């Protein structure tokens, strides 16, 4: 991502020529991060099961890993570290605290020998996958006041931490629109399909338009005058 800079006005990444990193490209990066973190999670487990580190050292390393994975995904969605405002990482901190509760049981299971090394490694990768949740927390945060109803890999779908769905988000002067997208393959679970049908789109009205030029922007919105029409959600599911 070194060659890309974040455009906070249009909430997109641009390269040195001003070309936009598409949402599809961003999702590929998100999923690549998740795949890489799965490898790291399994490697930490193998260090313990191979006797390289103690259980206490494993707990410290894996907790640090949870923080790193979730912050990385959050920053990717948010627009990079320079886009983050004070207090915005609190949401990630709360997510990591919740995950450490489950981690405690995971550690007990490894300590008691109730799961094999292979099972422990597979279970560890689920923590890496669930960090995808933080990506859309970051994207949501970029849209001031937006509160999405649910998130990919939030643990509430049948596919669990393996979820690789995503949101496309747009805004006008008066409201946000978000579309839930599935991978559209044979592995899409019933929950994600239901979300796609339910959130087509998800609409949230702004409590206040915000900004000194909000009246002008609202008029432009009503007239269809957008500063960059290429950034509008022209591939929404409603048109399908």
Foldseek 3Di string as FASTA:
>chain_A
DVQWAADLVLGFIAGPVRDTCDPVNLLVVLVVLLVVLLVVLLVLLVCDVVPVDDLVVSLVVLLVSLLVLLVVLLQSLQGHPVSDDPPLCVVSVVVSVVVVVVVVVLSVCVVVVVDDSVRSSVVSSLSSLLSNQSNVSNNQVSVPPDDDPGGFLPQPFPVHSNFSWHWDWDDALWKIKIAIGGPPDPPDGPVSVVSRVVPLPDMDTDPHSDDPCSVVRNVCVVVVNDPDVVSDPPPGPVVD
